[in-house]
Amino acid sequence: MTEAAEGKYFPLFMNISDKEILFVGGGKIAARRIDALVPFTQRITVVAPNAASSIFHLMEEGELSWIIREFEEEDLEGRDIVFATTSDPALNEQIAQMCRRRGIPVNVSSDKNLCDFYFPGIVRQGDTLIGITASGKDHAKAKRIRERIQEILTEEGI
């Protein structure tokens, strides 16, 4: 990797409708990310002994499946994308290492340095889709930008 490319993330839009996505952990961070992904895929599995209440309606509507237990390495079998969103940073790091050995892109909520990709703030208005990140450095800034872009699109009727 060239010195100029180290640590730089390329924004990429991809079709995930047929991707098997695994969330390890079912808390608030997982719930927010799952809500953002559901319009793009219904191939989401959550492995967690408990889950945020906002995830329950998605399970009831068949938008995702929930394996109610602790994570096991075999849960990675057949997965295309993994989100490590547990409240245990050491477990999240272990999951990242397991994913790397298998060549599975992983996002680790507790440590941006372990992420193969960042999860963007998303603005959707009709056919317009905008992803926003502050490179994992300033989530509040990214949120303000996302909200402002949403306002502009709404004001312009786009």
C-alpha atoms as a PDB file:
ATOM      1  CA  MET A   1       0.000   0.000   0.000  1.00  0.00           C
ATOM      2  CA  THR A   2       1.355   3.429  -0.880  1.00  0.00           C
ATOM      3  CA  GLU A   3       1.953   5.929   1.869  1.00  0.00           C
ATOM      4  CA  ALA A   4      -0.711   8.220   0.384  1.00  0.00           C
ATOM      5  CA  ALA A   5      -3.346   5.455   0.450  1.00  0.00           C
ATOM      6  CA  GLU A   6      -2.776   4.260   4.020  1.00  0.00           C
ATOM      7  CA  GLY A   7      -5.792   4.827   6.234  1.00  0.00           C
ATOM      8  CA  LYS A   8      -7.929   6.345   3.499  1.00  0.00           C
ATOM      9  CA  TYR A   9     -11.355   4.872   2.865  1.00  0.00           C
ATOM     10  CA  PHE A  10     -12.982   4.951  -0.553  1.00  0.00           C
ATOM     11  CA  PRO A  11     -16.753   5.594  -0.628  1.00  0.00           C
ATOM     12  CA  LEU A  12     -18.440   2.710  -2.414  1.00  0.00           C
ATOM     13  CA  PHE A  13     -22.076   1.986  -3.205  1.00  0.00           C
ATOM     14  CA  MET A  14     -22.804  -1.693  -3.692  1.00  0.00           C
ATOM     15  CA  ASN A  15     -25.783  -3.990  -4.060  1.00  0.00           C
ATOM     16  CA  ILE A  16     -26.143  -5.903  -0.779  1.00  0.00           C
ATOM     17  CA  SER A  17     -29.544  -7.449  -1.477  1.00  0.00           C
ATOM     18  CA  ASP A  18     -28.049 -10.941  -1.729  1.00  0.00           C
ATOM     19  CA  LYS A  19     -25.316 -10.516   0.889  1.00  0.00           C
ATOM     20  CA  GLU A  20     -25.472 -12.487   4.132  1.00  0.00           C
ATOM     21  CA  ILE A  21     -24.986  -9.920   6.871  1.00  0.00           C
ATOM     22  CA  LEU A  22     -24.243 -10.843  10.473  1.00  0.00           C
ATOM     23  CA  PHE A  23     -24.550  -8.623  13.519  1.00  0.00           C
ATOM     24  CA  VAL A  24     -22.868  -9.920  16.653  1.00  0.00           C
ATOM     25  CA  GLY A  25     -24.606  -7.975  19.396  1.00  0.00           C
ATOM     26  CA  GLY A  26     -28.101  -6.582  19.429  1.00  0.00           C
ATOM     27  CA  GLY A  27     -27.876  -3.285  21.289  1.00  0.00           C
ATOM     28  CA  LYS A  28     -28.643   0.285  20.261  1.00  0.00           C
ATOM     29  CA  ILE A  29     -25.748   0.612  17.797  1.00  0.00           C
ATOM     30  CA  ALA A  30     -26.768  -2.612  16.065  1.00  0.00           C
ATOM     31  CA  ALA A  31     -30.401  -1.456  16.005  1.00  0.00           C
ATOM     32  CA  ARG A  32     -29.528   1.859  14.305  1.00  0.00           C
ATOM     33  CA  ARG A  33     -27.382   0.165  11.693  1.00  0.00           C
ATOM     34  CA  ILE A  34     -29.929  -2.556  11.053  1.00  0.00           C
ATOM     35  CA  ASP A  35     -32.658   0.063  10.560  1.00  0.00           C
ATOM     36  CA  ALA A  36     -30.450   1.725   7.933  1.00  0.00           C
ATOM     37  CA  LEU A  37     -29.736  -1.590   6.157  1.00  0.00           C
ATOM     38  CA  VAL A  38     -33.259  -3.080   6.064  1.00  0.00           C
ATOM     39  CA  PRO A  39     -34.340  -1.066   2.995  1.00  0.00           C
ATOM     40  CA  PHE A  40     -31.426  -2.655   1.108  1.00  0.00           C
ATOM     41  CA  THR A  41     -31.569  -6.299   2.263  1.00  0.00           C
ATOM     42  CA  GLN A  42     -33.558  -8.757   4.321  1.00  0.00           C
ATOM     43  CA  ARG A  43     -30.619 -11.133   4.739  1.00  0.00           C
ATOM     44  CA  ILE A  44     -29.621  -9.938   8.201  1.00  0.00           C
ATOM     45  CA  THR A  45     -28.937 -12.233  11.137  1.00  0.00           C
ATOM     46  CA  VAL A  46     -28.361 -11.082  14.705  1.00  0.00           C
ATOM     47  CA  VAL A  47     -26.514 -13.296  17.185  1.00  0.00           C
ATOM     48  CA  ALA A  48     -27.027 -12.062  20.729  1.00  0.00           C
ATOM     49  CA  PRO A  49     -28.513 -13.288  23.983  1.00  0.00           C
ATOM     50  CA  ASN A  50     -30.687 -10.105  24.117  1.00  0.00           C
ATOM     51  CA  ALA A  51     -31.572  -7.375  21.703  1.00  0.00           C
ATOM     52  CA  ALA A  52     -32.769  -3.767  21.774  1.00  0.00           C
ATOM     53  CA  SER A  53     -36.548  -3.478  21.721  1.00  0.00           C
ATOM     54  CA  SER A  54     -36.378  -1.632  18.404  1.00  0.00           C
ATOM     55  CA  ILE A  55     -35.079  -4.831  16.775  1.00  0.00           C
ATOM     56  CA  PHE A  56     -38.106  -6.903  17.867  1.00  0.00           C
ATOM     57  CA  HIS A  57     -40.515  -5.391  15.339  1.00  0.00           C
ATOM     58  CA  LEU A  58     -38.082  -6.230  12.532  1.00  0.00           C
ATOM     59  CA  MET A  59     -37.986  -9.854  13.663  1.00  0.00           C
ATOM     60  CA  GLU A  60     -41.782 -10.001  13.851  1.00  0.00           C
ATOM     61  CA  GLU A  61     -42.036  -8.555  10.336  1.00  0.00           C
ATOM     62  CA  GLY A  62     -39.543 -11.105   9.007  1.00  0.00           C
ATOM     63  CA  GLU A  63     -36.931  -8.453   8.194  1.00  0.00           C
ATOM     64  CA  LEU A  64     -34.180 -10.316  10.057  1.00  0.00           C
ATOM     65  CA  SER A  65     -33.481 -13.466  12.018  1.00  0.00           C
ATOM     66  CA  TRP A  66     -32.242 -13.626  15.596  1.00  0.00           C
ATOM     67  CA  ILE A  67     -30.137 -16.395  17.087  1.00  0.00           C
ATOM     68  CA  ILE A  68     -30.671 -15.998  20.823  1.00  0.00           C
ATOM     69  CA  ARG A  69     -27.325 -17.006  22.324  1.00  0.00           C
ATOM     70  CA  GLU A  70     -23.704 -15.949  22.635  1.00  0.00           C
ATOM     71  CA  PHE A  71     -21.557 -15.715  19.484  1.00  0.00           C
ATOM     72  CA  GLU A  72     -19.724 -18.820  18.237  1.00  0.00           C
ATOM     73  CA  GLU A  73     -17.041 -18.754  15.538  1.00  0.00           C
ATOM     74  CA  GLU A  74     -19.204 -21.008  13.337  1.00  0.00           C
ATOM     75  CA  ASP A  75     -21.679 -18.105  13.059  1.00  0.00           C
ATOM     76  CA  LEU A  76     -19.281 -16.585  10.514  1.00  0.00           C
ATOM     77  CA  GLU A  77     -19.824 -19.431   8.048  1.00  0.00           C
ATOM     78  CA  GLY A  78     -21.402 -18.169   4.813  1.00  0.00           C
ATOM     79  CA  ARG A  79     -21.352 -14.503   5.873  1.00  0.00           C
ATOM     80  CA  ASP A  80     -20.405 -11.752   3.452  1.00  0.00           C
ATOM     81  CA  ILE A  81     -20.315  -8.795   5.867  1.00  0.00           C
ATOM     82  CA  VAL A  82     -20.022  -8.751   9.667  1.00  0.00           C
ATOM     83  CA  PHE A  83     -20.763  -6.071  12.246  1.00  0.00           C
ATOM     84  CA  ALA A  84     -19.162  -6.603  15.674  1.00  0.00           C
ATOM     85  CA  THR A  85     -21.436  -4.499  17.887  1.00  0.00           C
ATOM     86  CA  THR A  86     -21.122  -6.121  21.296  1.00  0.00           C
ATOM     87  CA  SER A  87     -20.401  -4.164  24.471  1.00  0.00           C
ATOM     88  CA  ASP A  88     -17.212  -6.236  24.889  1.00  0.00           C
ATOM     89  CA  PRO A  89     -14.277  -4.613  23.021  1.00  0.00           C
ATOM     90  CA  ALA A  90     -12.102  -7.737  23.436  1.00  0.00           C
ATOM     91  CA  LEU A  91     -14.784  -9.925  21.831  1.00  0.00           C
ATOM     92  CA  ASN A  92     -15.238  -7.392  19.034  1.00  0.00           C
ATOM     93  CA  GLU A  93     -11.490  -7.532  18.361  1.00  0.00           C
ATOM     94  CA  GLN A  94     -11.562 -11.350  18.307  1.00  0.00           C
ATOM     95  CA  ILE A  95     -14.439 -11.253  15.815  1.00  0.00           C
ATOM     96  CA  ALA A  96     -12.443  -8.829  13.620  1.00  0.00           C
ATOM     97  CA  GLN A  97      -9.453 -11.194  13.644  1.00  0.00           C
ATOM     98  CA  MET A  98     -11.660 -14.196  12.775  1.00  0.00           C
ATOM     99  CA  CYS A  99     -13.250 -12.239   9.909  1.00  0.00           C
ATOM    100  CA  ARG A 100      -9.869 -11.205   8.517  1.00  0.00           C
ATOM    101  CA  ARG A 101      -8.688 -14.815   8.475  1.00  0.00           C
ATOM    102  CA  ARG A 102     -11.806 -15.658   6.443  1.00  0.00           C
ATOM    103  CA  GLY A 103     -11.638 -12.600   4.172  1.00  0.00           C
ATOM    104  CA  ILE A 104     -14.948 -11.193   5.492  1.00  0.00           C
ATOM    105  CA  PRO A 105     -15.215  -7.382   5.680  1.00  0.00           C
ATOM    106  CA  VAL A 106     -15.938  -6.354   9.275  1.00  0.00           C
ATOM    107  CA  ASN A 107     -17.067  -3.193  11.022  1.00  0.00           C
ATOM    108  CA  VAL A 108     -16.175  -2.968  14.722  1.00  0.00           C
ATOM    109  CA  SER A 109     -18.302  -0.502  16.660  1.00  0.00           C
ATOM    110  CA  SER A 110     -15.865  -0.202  19.564  1.00  0.00           C
ATOM    111  CA  ASP A 111     -12.693   0.539  17.563  1.00  0.00           C
ATOM    112  CA  LYS A 112     -12.542   2.345  14.211  1.00  0.00           C
ATOM    113  CA  ASN A 113      -8.975   1.079  13.744  1.00  0.00           C
ATOM    114  CA  LEU A 114     -10.316  -2.474  13.438  1.00  0.00           C
ATOM    115  CA  CYS A 115     -12.860  -1.545  10.751  1.00  0.00           C
ATOM    116  CA  ASP A 116     -12.479  -2.643   7.149  1.00  0.00           C
ATOM    117  CA  PHE A 117     -15.217  -0.127   6.313  1.00  0.00           C
ATOM    118  CA  TYR A 118     -17.079   2.680   8.033  1.00  0.00           C
ATOM    119  CA  PHE A 119     -20.833   2.746   8.355  1.00  0.00           C
ATOM    120  CA  PRO A 120     -21.997   6.062   6.848  1.00  0.00           C
ATOM    121  CA  GLY A 121     -24.708   8.406   7.876  1.00  0.00           C
ATOM    122  CA  ILE A 122     -27.351   7.984   5.180  1.00  0.00           C
ATOM    123  CA  VAL A 123     -29.668  10.476   3.513  1.00  0.00           C
ATOM    124  CA  ARG A 124     -32.381   8.999   1.270  1.00  0.00           C
ATOM    125  CA  GLN A 125     -34.802  11.079  -0.718  1.00  0.00           C
ATOM    126  CA  GLY A 126     -36.458   9.344  -3.650  1.00  0.00           C
ATOM    127  CA  ASP A 127     -33.724   7.926  -5.862  1.00  0.00           C
ATOM    128  CA  THR A 128     -31.087  10.114  -4.224  1.00  0.00           C
ATOM    129  CA  LEU A 129     -28.837   8.318  -1.765  1.00  0.00           C
ATOM    130  CA  ILE A 130     -25.988  10.071   0.022  1.00  0.00           C
ATOM    131  CA  GLY A 131     -23.515   8.483   2.429  1.00  0.00           C
ATOM    132  CA  ILE A 132     -21.627  10.686   4.886  1.00  0.00           C
ATOM    133  CA  THR A 133     -18.640   9.992   7.116  1.00  0.00           C
ATOM    134  CA  ALA A 134     -16.104  12.018   9.032  1.00  0.00           C
ATOM    135  CA  SER A 135     -13.638   9.123   8.724  1.00  0.00           C
ATOM    136  CA  GLY A 136     -14.697   7.758  12.094  1.00  0.00           C
ATOM    137  CA  LYS A 137     -13.302  10.834  13.844  1.00  0.00           C
ATOM    138  CA  ASP A 138     -16.337  13.028  14.533  1.00  0.00           C
ATOM    139  CA  HIS A 139     -19.737  11.314  14.576  1.00  0.00           C
ATOM    140  CA  ALA A 140     -21.475  14.500  15.742  1.00  0.00           C
ATOM    141  CA  LYS A 141     -20.102  16.411  12.751  1.00  0.00           C
ATOM    142  CA  ALA A 142     -21.231  13.691  10.339  1.00  0.00           C
ATOM    143  CA  LYS A 143     -24.681  13.757  11.943  1.00  0.00           C
ATOM    144  CA  ARG A 144     -24.940  17.555  11.574  1.00  0.00           C
ATOM    145  CA  ILE A 145     -23.944  17.321   7.907  1.00  0.00           C
ATOM    146  CA  ARG A 146     -26.444  14.495   7.307  1.00  0.00           C
ATOM    147  CA  GLU A 147     -29.243  16.509   8.932  1.00  0.00           C
ATOM    148  CA  ARG A 148     -28.361  19.639   6.922  1.00  0.00           C
ATOM    149  CA  ILE A 149     -28.283  17.728   3.623  1.00  0.00           C
ATOM    150  CA  GLN A 150     -31.666  16.194   4.477  1.00  0.00           C
ATOM    151  CA  GLU A 151     -33.039  19.708   5.129  1.00  0.00           C
ATOM    152  CA  ILE A 152     -31.681  21.000   1.798  1.00  0.00           C
ATOM    153  CA  LEU A 153     -33.148  18.093  -0.168  1.00  0.00           C
ATOM    154  CA  THR A 154     -36.500  18.529   1.564  1.00  0.00           C
ATOM    155  CA  GLU A 155     -36.507  22.312   1.007  1.00  0.00           C
ATOM    156  CA  GLU A 156     -35.649  21.863  -2.669  1.00  0.00           C
ATOM    157  CA  GLY A 157     -38.257  19.141  -3.097  1.00  0.00           C
ATOM    158  CA  ILE A 158     -35.650  16.774  -4.482  1.00  0.00           C
END
